[in-house]
Amino acid sequence: MPVCRKAAGRILTPAEIFRGAAKGNIDLQEIVEQYEEMLGTGIVNIVNMFRPQLILLGGAMSGHAKEMIGPIRAMMKRDCFGGEHGMIPEIAAAELGSSAGMIGAANL
């Protein structure tokens, strides 16, 4: 059974998970930390392969991107080629959030 279902007795939304973690729920804090670690690992791999100048966090989690930027930036400085002395891209929350796909499709 997933940790968040054990902790709450039901499936939680991302907003509920982040809110509970911020209020000190240890199980939900663990979920957020695991998510940040997995997302950060993926971003580090992309940075090491493609060397982008900017990473935008968007989609369904865009409402919580600002909370994740610090830990992911620290992970990039630690794990990207060259570390702090290498080319570490900027990381930011996408302004269009989870509506980006819909807006992009409408512009086609």
N, C-alpha and C. Protein backbone atom coordinates (compact mmCIF):
# COMPACT_ATOMS: atom_id res chain seq x y z
N MET A 1 0.85 -1.18 0.00
CA MET A 1 0.00 0.00 0.00
C MET A 1 0.89 1.24 0.00
N PRO A 2 0.61 2.23 -0.87
CA PRO A 2 1.40 3.46 -0.90
C PRO A 2 1.41 4.15 0.45
N VAL A 3 2.53 4.82 0.74
CA VAL A 3 2.70 5.48 2.04
C VAL A 3 1.61 6.51 2.29
N CYS A 4 1.23 7.31 1.27
CA CYS A 4 0.22 8.36 1.52
C CYS A 4 -1.14 7.74 1.83
N ARG A 5 -1.44 6.59 1.24
CA ARG A 5 -2.72 5.95 1.55
C ARG A 5 -2.69 5.40 2.98
N LYS A 6 -1.54 4.88 3.40
CA LYS A 6 -1.40 4.41 4.79
C LYS A 6 -1.54 5.56 5.76
N ALA A 7 -0.92 6.69 5.42
CA ALA A 7 -0.90 7.84 6.32
C ALA A 7 -2.28 8.48 6.46
N ALA A 8 -3.05 8.50 5.38
CA ALA A 8 -4.33 9.22 5.41
C ALA A 8 -5.54 8.32 5.27
N GLY A 9 -5.35 7.08 4.87
CA GLY A 9 -6.48 6.18 4.67
C GLY A 9 -7.16 6.36 3.33
N ARG A 10 -6.60 7.22 2.47
CA ARG A 10 -7.15 7.47 1.13
C ARG A 10 -6.05 8.05 0.25
N ILE A 11 -6.33 8.13 -1.03
CA ILE A 11 -5.37 8.74 -1.96
C ILE A 11 -5.46 10.25 -1.79
N LEU A 12 -4.29 10.90 -1.66
CA LEU A 12 -4.24 12.34 -1.46
C LEU A 12 -3.86 13.05 -2.75
N THR A 13 -4.32 14.28 -2.89
CA THR A 13 -3.91 15.11 -4.03
C THR A 13 -2.52 15.67 -3.74
N PRO A 14 -1.80 16.12 -4.77
CA PRO A 14 -0.50 16.76 -4.52
C PRO A 14 -0.60 17.92 -3.54
N ALA A 15 -1.65 18.72 -3.65
CA ALA A 15 -1.82 19.86 -2.74
C ALA A 15 -1.93 19.39 -1.29
N GLU A 16 -2.69 18.31 -1.07
CA GLU A 16 -2.85 17.77 0.29
C GLU A 16 -1.53 17.21 0.81
N ILE A 17 -0.77 16.58 -0.06
CA ILE A 17 0.53 16.01 0.35
C ILE A 17 1.47 17.12 0.76
N PHE A 18 1.60 18.16 -0.07
CA PHE A 18 2.51 19.27 0.25
C PHE A 18 2.04 20.03 1.49
N ARG A 19 0.74 20.24 1.62
CA ARG A 19 0.20 20.94 2.79
C ARG A 19 0.47 20.15 4.07
N GLY A 20 0.24 18.83 4.02
CA GLY A 20 0.49 17.98 5.18
C GLY A 20 1.97 17.92 5.54
N ALA A 21 2.81 17.88 4.51
CA ALA A 21 4.26 17.87 4.76
C ALA A 21 4.70 19.17 5.42
N ALA A 22 4.14 20.29 4.95
CA ALA A 22 4.48 21.59 5.53
C ALA A 22 4.02 21.70 6.99
N LYS A 23 2.94 20.98 7.33
CA LYS A 23 2.42 21.01 8.70
C LYS A 23 3.16 20.03 9.61
N GLY A 24 4.13 19.28 9.06
CA GLY A 24 4.94 18.41 9.89
C GLY A 24 4.63 16.93 9.84
N ASN A 25 3.72 16.49 8.97
CA ASN A 25 3.43 15.07 8.85
C ASN A 25 4.66 14.36 8.29
N ILE A 26 5.28 13.52 9.10
CA ILE A 26 6.54 12.87 8.73
C ILE A 26 6.38 11.97 7.52
N ASP A 27 5.28 11.21 7.43
CA ASP A 27 5.06 10.34 6.28
C ASP A 27 4.95 11.15 4.99
N LEU A 28 4.26 12.27 5.05
CA LEU A 28 4.09 13.10 3.85
C LEU A 28 5.38 13.85 3.51
N GLN A 29 6.15 14.20 4.53
CA GLN A 29 7.46 14.80 4.27
C GLN A 29 8.36 13.81 3.53
N GLU A 30 8.28 12.55 3.91
CA GLU A 30 9.06 11.50 3.25
C GLU A 30 8.65 11.38 1.78
N ILE A 31 7.36 11.45 1.51
CA ILE A 31 6.87 11.37 0.13
C ILE A 31 7.41 12.54 -0.69
N VAL A 32 7.36 13.75 -0.14
CA VAL A 32 7.85 14.93 -0.84
C VAL A 32 9.35 14.79 -1.09
N GLU A 33 10.10 14.35 -0.10
CA GLU A 33 11.55 14.18 -0.25
C GLU A 33 11.87 13.14 -1.32
N GLN A 34 11.14 12.03 -1.35
CA GLN A 34 11.36 11.00 -2.37
C GLN A 34 11.05 11.56 -3.76
N TYR A 35 9.98 12.31 -3.88
CA TYR A 35 9.62 12.90 -5.16
C TYR A 35 10.69 13.87 -5.63
N GLU A 36 11.16 14.73 -4.73
CA GLU A 36 12.21 15.69 -5.08
C GLU A 36 13.48 14.96 -5.50
N GLU A 37 13.81 13.87 -4.83
CA GLU A 37 15.01 13.09 -5.17
C GLU A 37 14.88 12.47 -6.56
N MET A 38 13.73 11.90 -6.87
CA MET A 38 13.53 11.28 -8.18
C MET A 38 13.51 12.33 -9.29
N LEU A 39 12.79 13.42 -9.06
CA LEU A 39 12.72 14.50 -10.03
C LEU A 39 14.11 15.11 -10.23
N GLY A 40 14.81 15.36 -9.14
CA GLY A 40 16.16 15.92 -9.20
C GLY A 40 17.12 15.04 -9.97
N THR A 41 17.04 13.73 -9.77
CA THR A 41 17.90 12.80 -10.49
C THR A 41 17.64 12.88 -11.99
N GLY A 42 16.38 12.94 -12.37
CA GLY A 42 16.04 13.08 -13.79
C GLY A 42 16.56 14.38 -14.37
N ILE A 43 16.41 15.46 -13.63
CA ILE A 43 16.88 16.77 -14.10
C ILE A 43 18.39 16.79 -14.22
N VAL A 44 19.10 16.22 -13.25
CA VAL A 44 20.56 16.14 -13.32
C VAL A 44 20.98 15.38 -14.57
N ASN A 45 20.33 14.28 -14.86
CA ASN A 45 20.67 13.51 -16.05
C ASN A 45 20.45 14.32 -17.33
N ILE A 46 19.34 15.05 -17.39
CA ILE A 46 19.07 15.89 -18.57
C ILE A 46 20.12 16.98 -18.70
N VAL A 47 20.47 17.62 -17.59
CA VAL A 47 21.48 18.68 -17.62
C VAL A 47 22.82 18.11 -18.07
N ASN A 48 23.20 16.95 -17.56
CA ASN A 48 24.48 16.35 -17.93
C ASN A 48 24.52 15.95 -19.41
N MET A 49 23.39 15.56 -19.98
CA MET A 49 23.37 15.15 -21.38
C MET A 49 23.23 16.32 -22.35
N PHE A 50 22.32 17.26 -22.04
CA PHE A 50 21.95 18.27 -23.03
C PHE A 50 22.43 19.69 -22.71
N ARG A 51 22.84 19.94 -21.49
CA ARG A 51 23.33 21.26 -21.06
C ARG A 51 22.35 22.40 -21.37
N PRO A 52 21.09 22.28 -20.94
CA PRO A 52 20.14 23.38 -21.20
C PRO A 52 20.51 24.62 -20.38
N GLN A 53 20.02 25.75 -20.82
CA GLN A 53 20.26 26.99 -20.09
C GLN A 53 19.21 27.25 -19.03
N LEU A 54 18.04 26.59 -19.18
CA LEU A 54 16.93 26.83 -18.28
C LEU A 54 16.13 25.54 -18.10
N ILE A 55 15.73 25.26 -16.88
CA ILE A 55 14.84 24.15 -16.55
C ILE A 55 13.56 24.78 -16.00
N LEU A 56 12.42 24.44 -16.61
CA LEU A 56 11.13 24.91 -16.13
C LEU A 56 10.36 23.75 -15.53
N LEU A 57 9.85 23.94 -14.34
CA LEU A 57 9.01 22.94 -13.70
C LEU A 57 7.57 23.35 -13.93
N GLY A 58 6.81 22.49 -14.60
CA GLY A 58 5.43 22.82 -14.93
C GLY A 58 4.54 21.62 -14.76
N GLY A 59 3.41 21.65 -15.41
CA GLY A 59 2.47 20.54 -15.34
C GLY A 59 1.71 20.52 -14.04
N ALA A 60 1.25 19.33 -13.68
CA ALA A 60 0.39 19.18 -12.50
C ALA A 60 1.07 19.61 -11.21
N MET A 61 2.39 19.53 -11.16
CA MET A 61 3.12 19.89 -9.94
C MET A 61 3.58 21.35 -9.94
N SER A 62 3.23 22.11 -10.96
CA SER A 62 3.74 23.47 -11.07
C SER A 62 3.33 24.36 -9.90
N GLY A 63 2.22 24.06 -9.28
CA GLY A 63 1.80 24.84 -8.12
C GLY A 63 2.72 24.67 -6.92
N HIS A 64 3.54 23.63 -6.96
CA HIS A 64 4.46 23.35 -5.85
C HIS A 64 5.92 23.45 -6.27
N ALA A 65 6.13 23.94 -7.48
CA ALA A 65 7.49 24.02 -8.02
C ALA A 65 8.40 24.91 -7.16
N LYS A 66 7.86 26.01 -6.67
CA LYS A 66 8.68 26.93 -5.89
C LYS A 66 9.23 26.26 -4.63
N GLU A 67 8.48 25.32 -4.07
CA GLU A 67 8.94 24.60 -2.88
C GLU A 67 10.06 23.62 -3.23
N MET A 68 10.07 23.15 -4.48
CA MET A 68 11.04 22.13 -4.89
C MET A 68 12.30 22.70 -5.51
N ILE A 69 12.27 23.97 -5.92
CA ILE A 69 13.41 24.55 -6.63
C ILE A 69 14.69 24.51 -5.79
N GLY A 70 14.61 24.89 -4.53
CA GLY A 70 15.81 24.92 -3.67
C GLY A 70 16.49 23.56 -3.57
N PRO A 71 15.75 22.51 -3.16
CA PRO A 71 16.38 21.20 -3.07
C PRO A 71 16.91 20.67 -4.41
N ILE A 72 16.20 20.95 -5.50
CA ILE A 72 16.67 20.47 -6.80
C ILE A 72 17.89 21.26 -7.26
N ARG A 73 17.91 22.57 -7.00
CA ARG A 73 19.09 23.37 -7.34
C ARG A 73 20.31 22.86 -6.57
N ALA A 74 20.15 22.55 -5.30
CA ALA A 74 21.26 22.01 -4.50
C ALA A 74 21.74 20.68 -5.07
N MET A 75 20.81 19.86 -5.50
CA MET A 75 21.16 18.57 -6.10
C MET A 75 21.93 18.76 -7.41
N MET A 76 21.51 19.73 -8.22
CA MET A 76 22.22 20.00 -9.47
C MET A 76 23.65 20.46 -9.18
N LYS A 77 23.81 21.35 -8.19
CA LYS A 77 25.16 21.82 -7.85
C LYS A 77 26.04 20.69 -7.36
N ARG A 78 25.44 19.73 -6.68
CA ARG A 78 26.19 18.60 -6.14
C ARG A 78 26.50 17.54 -7.19
N ASP A 79 25.54 17.25 -8.10
CA ASP A 79 25.64 16.08 -8.95
C ASP A 79 25.90 16.33 -10.44
N CYS A 80 25.70 17.56 -10.92
CA CYS A 80 25.96 17.82 -12.33
C CYS A 80 27.47 17.86 -12.59
N PHE A 81 27.85 17.53 -13.81
CA PHE A 81 29.27 17.56 -14.17
C PHE A 81 29.84 18.94 -13.87
N GLY A 82 30.96 18.97 -13.18
CA GLY A 82 31.60 20.23 -12.83
C GLY A 82 31.09 20.82 -11.54
N GLY A 83 30.02 20.26 -10.99
CA GLY A 83 29.47 20.77 -9.73
C GLY A 83 29.18 22.25 -9.80
N GLU A 84 29.49 22.97 -8.74
CA GLU A 84 29.23 24.40 -8.68
C GLU A 84 30.03 25.17 -9.71
N HIS A 85 31.13 24.59 -10.19
CA HIS A 85 31.99 25.27 -11.14
C HIS A 85 31.60 24.97 -12.59
N GLY A 86 30.66 24.05 -12.77
CA GLY A 86 30.19 23.71 -14.11
C GLY A 86 29.05 24.61 -14.53
N MET A 87 28.44 24.25 -15.65
CA MET A 87 27.32 25.03 -16.15
C MET A 87 26.02 24.53 -15.52
N ILE A 88 25.57 25.21 -14.51
CA ILE A 88 24.32 24.86 -13.83
C ILE A 88 23.23 25.79 -14.36
N PRO A 89 22.20 25.22 -14.99
CA PRO A 89 21.15 26.08 -15.55
C PRO A 89 20.27 26.69 -14.46
N GLU A 90 19.59 27.76 -14.84
CA GLU A 90 18.58 28.34 -13.97
C GLU A 90 17.43 27.34 -13.88
N ILE A 91 16.71 27.38 -12.78
CA ILE A 91 15.53 26.53 -12.61
C ILE A 91 14.40 27.42 -12.10
N ALA A 92 13.23 27.28 -12.70
CA ALA A 92 12.10 28.16 -12.34
C ALA A 92 10.78 27.43 -12.54
N ALA A 93 9.73 27.99 -11.97
CA ALA A 93 8.38 27.46 -12.16
C ALA A 93 7.81 28.04 -13.45
N ALA A 94 7.20 27.19 -14.26
CA ALA A 94 6.58 27.64 -15.50
C ALA A 94 5.40 28.55 -15.17
N GLU A 95 5.32 29.68 -15.83
CA GLU A 95 4.26 30.65 -15.55
C GLU A 95 2.88 30.14 -15.94
N LEU A 96 2.80 29.31 -16.98
CA LEU A 96 1.50 28.81 -17.43
C LEU A 96 1.03 27.60 -16.63
N GLY A 97 1.89 27.06 -15.80
CA GLY A 97 1.51 25.94 -14.95
C GLY A 97 0.96 24.75 -15.71
N SER A 98 -0.10 24.17 -15.22
CA SER A 98 -0.65 22.97 -15.84
C SER A 98 -1.48 23.30 -17.08
N SER A 99 -1.65 24.58 -17.39
CA SER A 99 -2.40 24.98 -18.58
C SER A 99 -1.53 25.07 -19.82
N ALA A 100 -0.22 24.89 -19.69
CA ALA A 100 0.69 25.07 -20.81
C ALA A 100 0.34 24.21 -22.01
N GLY A 101 0.04 22.95 -21.79
CA GLY A 101 -0.29 22.04 -22.90
C GLY A 101 -1.53 22.48 -23.64
N MET A 102 -2.54 22.88 -22.90
CA MET A 102 -3.80 23.33 -23.50
C MET A 102 -3.59 24.62 -24.30
N ILE A 103 -2.84 25.56 -23.74
CA ILE A 103 -2.57 26.82 -24.42
C ILE A 103 -1.74 26.57 -25.69
N GLY A 104 -0.73 25.69 -25.58
CA GLY A 104 0.08 25.35 -26.74
C GLY A 104 -0.75 24.71 -27.85
N ALA A 105 -1.63 23.81 -27.48
CA ALA A 105 -2.49 23.15 -28.47
C ALA A 105 -3.43 24.16 -29.13
N ALA A 106 -3.94 25.10 -28.36
CA ALA A 106 -4.84 26.10 -28.91
C ALA A 106 -4.12 27.03 -29.89
N ASN A 107 -2.84 27.20 -29.70
CA ASN A 107 -2.07 28.07 -30.59
C ASN A 107 -1.67 27.40 -31.90
N LEU A 108 -1.89 26.09 -32.02
CA LEU A 108 -1.56 25.40 -33.26
C LEU A 108 -2.54 25.72 -34.29
